[in-house]
N, C-alpha and C. Protein backbone atom coordinates (compact mmCIF):
# COMPACT_ATOMS: atom_id res chain seq x y z
N UNK A 1 28.93 123.02 -38.81
CA UNK A 1 30.07 122.93 -39.22
C UNK A 1 31.16 124.85 -39.36
N UNK A 2 30.71 125.60 -38.68
CA UNK A 2 31.64 126.44 -38.01
C UNK A 2 32.47 126.01 -37.32
N UNK A 3 32.47 124.66 -36.75
CA UNK A 3 33.38 124.22 -35.81
C UNK A 3 34.68 123.39 -37.11
N UNK A 4 33.53 122.74 -37.58
CA UNK A 4 34.34 121.86 -38.90
C UNK A 4 35.22 123.01 -39.52
N UNK A 5 35.14 124.02 -40.37
CA UNK A 5 35.86 124.84 -40.73
C UNK A 5 37.07 125.42 -40.05
N UNK A 6 36.85 125.63 -38.53
CA UNK A 6 37.82 126.49 -37.75
C UNK A 6 38.81 125.24 -37.45
N UNK A 7 38.37 124.06 -37.05
CA UNK A 7 39.56 122.85 -37.04
C UNK A 7 40.57 122.99 -38.28
N UNK A 8 39.94 122.80 -39.30
CA UNK A 8 40.74 122.97 -40.44
C UNK A 8 41.35 124.14 -40.92
N UNK A 9 41.22 125.00 -40.66
CA UNK A 9 41.89 126.47 -41.16
C UNK A 9 42.84 126.14 -40.14
N UNK A 10 42.83 126.09 -38.87
CA UNK A 10 43.54 126.53 -38.05
C UNK A 10 45.00 125.43 -37.64
N UNK A 11 44.65 124.07 -38.25
CA UNK A 11 45.61 123.56 -38.71
C UNK A 11 46.41 123.86 -40.02
N UNK A 12 45.70 124.29 -40.87
CA UNK A 12 46.84 125.04 -42.19
C UNK A 12 47.56 125.92 -41.83
N UNK A 13 47.25 127.05 -41.24
CA UNK A 13 47.78 127.98 -41.14
C UNK A 13 49.05 128.52 -39.80
N UNK A 14 50.08 129.58 -40.23
CA UNK A 14 50.84 129.69 -38.88
C UNK A 14 50.56 130.68 -38.12
N UNK A 15 49.18 130.89 -37.95
CA UNK A 15 48.78 132.29 -37.30
C UNK A 15 47.19 132.02 -36.44
N UNK A 16 47.21 130.22 -35.82
CA UNK A 16 45.57 129.95 -35.22
C UNK A 16 45.03 130.63 -35.14
N UNK A 17 45.51 131.68 -34.03
CA UNK A 17 44.89 132.27 -33.37
C UNK A 17 44.01 133.62 -33.70
N UNK A 18 44.65 133.74 -34.95
CA UNK A 18 43.81 134.71 -35.69
C UNK A 18 42.73 134.54 -36.71
N UNK A 19 42.60 133.14 -36.53
CA UNK A 19 41.63 132.28 -37.23
C UNK A 19 39.84 133.01 -36.64
N UNK A 20 39.02 133.15 -37.57
CA UNK A 20 37.85 133.53 -37.51
C UNK A 20 36.76 132.89 -38.03
N UNK A 21 35.37 132.41 -37.59
CA UNK A 21 34.44 132.36 -38.55
C UNK A 21 33.57 132.42 -37.39
N UNK A 22 32.66 132.46 -39.03
CA UNK A 22 31.27 132.79 -38.40
C UNK A 22 30.24 132.46 -39.52
N UNK A 23 29.49 132.44 -38.56
CA UNK A 23 28.30 131.33 -39.83
C UNK A 23 26.78 132.21 -39.82
N UNK A 24 26.28 132.39 -40.70
CA UNK A 24 24.45 133.33 -41.26
C UNK A 24 23.96 132.05 -41.46
N UNK A 25 22.97 131.75 -41.05
CA UNK A 25 21.82 130.66 -41.76
C UNK A 25 20.53 131.23 -42.12
N UNK A 26 20.19 131.20 -43.28
CA UNK A 26 18.78 131.48 -44.16
C UNK A 26 18.61 130.45 -44.54
N UNK A 27 17.76 130.07 -43.78
CA UNK A 27 16.58 128.88 -43.73
C UNK A 27 17.43 127.62 -44.04
N UNK A 28 17.50 126.78 -45.22
CA UNK A 28 18.27 125.57 -45.21
C UNK A 28 19.53 126.52 -46.00
N UNK A 29 19.88 127.63 -46.21
CA UNK A 29 21.43 127.97 -46.79
C UNK A 29 22.23 128.63 -45.37
N UNK A 30 23.36 128.19 -45.27
CA UNK A 30 24.24 128.64 -44.26
C UNK A 30 25.35 128.92 -45.21
N UNK A 31 25.87 130.22 -44.59
CA UNK A 31 26.90 130.85 -45.23
C UNK A 31 28.08 130.85 -44.06
N UNK A 32 29.11 130.06 -44.27
CA UNK A 32 30.20 130.06 -43.39
C UNK A 32 31.72 131.08 -44.00
N UNK A 33 32.03 131.84 -43.10
CA UNK A 33 32.97 132.76 -43.49
C UNK A 33 34.22 132.91 -42.64
N UNK A 34 35.45 132.74 -43.47
CA UNK A 34 36.35 132.32 -42.79
C UNK A 34 37.54 133.46 -42.73
N UNK A 35 37.90 134.00 -41.76
CA UNK A 35 38.95 135.01 -41.87
C UNK A 35 40.27 134.88 -41.49
N UNK A 36 41.31 134.79 -41.82
CA UNK A 36 42.47 134.37 -41.81
C UNK A 36 43.08 135.85 -41.73
N UNK A 37 44.51 135.68 -41.17
CA UNK A 37 45.92 136.58 -41.34
C UNK A 37 45.77 136.60 -42.97
N UNK A 38 46.68 138.03 -43.08
CA UNK A 38 46.71 137.90 -44.70
C UNK A 38 47.82 137.20 -45.10
N UNK A 39 49.02 137.25 -44.03
CA UNK A 39 49.94 136.07 -44.32
C UNK A 39 49.93 134.54 -44.62
N UNK A 40 48.48 134.30 -44.05
CA UNK A 40 48.00 132.97 -44.06
C UNK A 40 47.10 132.79 -45.24
N UNK A 41 46.84 133.73 -45.98
CA UNK A 41 45.29 133.58 -47.22
C UNK A 41 46.07 132.49 -47.94
N UNK A 42 47.48 132.37 -48.77
CA UNK A 42 47.80 131.79 -49.29
C UNK A 42 47.66 130.33 -49.06
N UNK A 43 47.95 130.08 -47.60
CA UNK A 43 47.99 128.21 -47.29
C UNK A 43 46.46 128.02 -47.45
N UNK A 44 45.51 128.61 -46.92
CA UNK A 44 43.86 128.61 -46.82
C UNK A 44 43.41 128.10 -48.26
N UNK A 45 44.06 129.40 -49.36
CA UNK A 45 43.71 129.10 -50.75
C UNK A 45 44.42 127.90 -51.75
N UNK A 46 45.90 128.29 -51.50
CA UNK A 46 46.54 126.57 -51.89
C UNK A 46 46.35 127.11 -53.34
N UNK A 47 47.37 126.55 -54.15
CA UNK A 47 47.54 126.34 -55.30
C UNK A 47 46.40 126.34 -56.78
N UNK A 48 46.10 127.49 -57.30
CA UNK A 48 45.00 127.23 -57.81
C UNK A 48 43.54 127.16 -57.43
N UNK A 49 43.49 127.27 -56.16
CA UNK A 49 42.44 126.91 -55.12
C UNK A 49 41.88 125.97 -54.87
N UNK A 50 43.08 124.94 -54.90
CA UNK A 50 42.68 123.62 -54.92
C UNK A 50 42.59 123.27 -53.10
N UNK A 51 43.17 123.88 -52.06
CA UNK A 51 42.86 123.95 -50.15
C UNK A 51 41.11 124.32 -50.24
N UNK A 52 41.36 125.57 -51.01
CA UNK A 52 39.76 126.22 -50.71
C UNK A 52 38.46 125.33 -51.24
N UNK A 53 39.04 124.30 -52.28
CA UNK A 53 37.77 123.73 -53.02
C UNK A 53 37.92 122.47 -51.98
N UNK A 54 38.96 122.09 -51.76
CA UNK A 54 38.60 120.72 -50.72
C UNK A 54 37.84 121.07 -49.27
N UNK A 55 38.35 121.96 -49.06
CA UNK A 55 37.44 122.64 -47.69
C UNK A 55 36.13 122.76 -47.93
N UNK A 56 35.63 123.26 -49.10
CA UNK A 56 34.57 123.09 -49.22
C UNK A 56 33.81 121.75 -49.95
N UNK A 57 34.67 121.01 -50.11
CA UNK A 57 33.90 119.98 -50.38
C UNK A 57 33.73 118.79 -49.52
N UNK A 58 34.64 119.00 -48.06
CA UNK A 58 34.34 118.05 -47.31
C UNK A 58 33.10 119.04 -46.11
N UNK A 59 33.47 120.59 -45.96
CA UNK A 59 32.04 120.82 -45.98
C UNK A 59 30.73 120.36 -46.32
N UNK A 60 30.89 120.26 -47.36
CA UNK A 60 29.62 120.13 -48.21
C UNK A 60 29.09 118.58 -48.23
N UNK A 61 30.00 117.67 -47.83
CA UNK A 61 30.00 116.49 -47.54
C UNK A 61 29.31 116.16 -46.19
N UNK A 62 29.69 117.01 -45.24
CA UNK A 62 29.04 116.95 -43.94
C UNK A 62 28.03 117.22 -43.73
N UNK A 63 27.71 118.13 -44.56
CA UNK A 63 26.60 118.88 -44.55
C UNK A 63 25.29 118.48 -45.43
N UNK A 64 25.75 117.45 -45.96
CA UNK A 64 24.90 116.72 -46.89
C UNK A 64 23.78 115.79 -46.05
N UNK A 65 23.88 115.61 -44.88
CA UNK A 65 23.20 114.58 -43.83
C UNK A 65 22.28 115.36 -42.82
N UNK A 66 22.86 116.66 -42.66
CA UNK A 66 21.72 117.86 -42.14
C UNK A 66 20.58 118.12 -43.56
N UNK A 67 20.93 117.86 -44.57
CA UNK A 67 20.11 118.33 -45.53
C UNK A 67 20.12 120.38 -45.77
N UNK A 68 21.56 120.43 -45.73
CA UNK A 68 21.33 121.73 -45.69
C UNK A 68 22.89 122.14 -46.70
N UNK A 69 22.44 123.68 -47.11
CA UNK A 69 23.17 123.66 -48.44
C UNK A 69 24.20 124.61 -47.86
N UNK A 70 25.52 124.54 -47.65
CA UNK A 70 26.64 125.30 -46.90
C UNK A 70 27.46 126.07 -47.92
N UNK A 71 28.23 127.44 -47.97
CA UNK A 71 28.60 128.02 -48.65
C UNK A 71 29.62 128.46 -47.90
N UNK A 72 31.12 128.04 -48.32
CA UNK A 72 32.59 128.71 -47.50
C UNK A 72 32.99 129.77 -48.31
N UNK A 73 32.55 131.01 -47.69
CA UNK A 73 33.77 131.64 -48.24
C UNK A 73 34.74 132.32 -47.35
N UNK A 74 36.29 132.78 -48.01
CA UNK A 74 37.51 132.84 -47.54
C UNK A 74 37.44 134.56 -47.85
N UNK A 75 37.44 135.08 -46.59
CA UNK A 75 37.32 136.54 -46.45
C UNK A 75 38.81 137.08 -46.63
């Protein structure tokens, strides 16, 4: 899931070299933290959180085949 979030985020931002994705696994629960440059925060979140919600939906769909629960946090 880490790679998926990283590819999506790098495609959205102006400073792709500052995108950092970390993954913490706790049993079936996985937390993916996305760190971007402060100037790119709005591009990753989107108006009314629509892009962030879309990223979470794509990750949830991809993680369903692995039978895991993945949370995406934008830090």
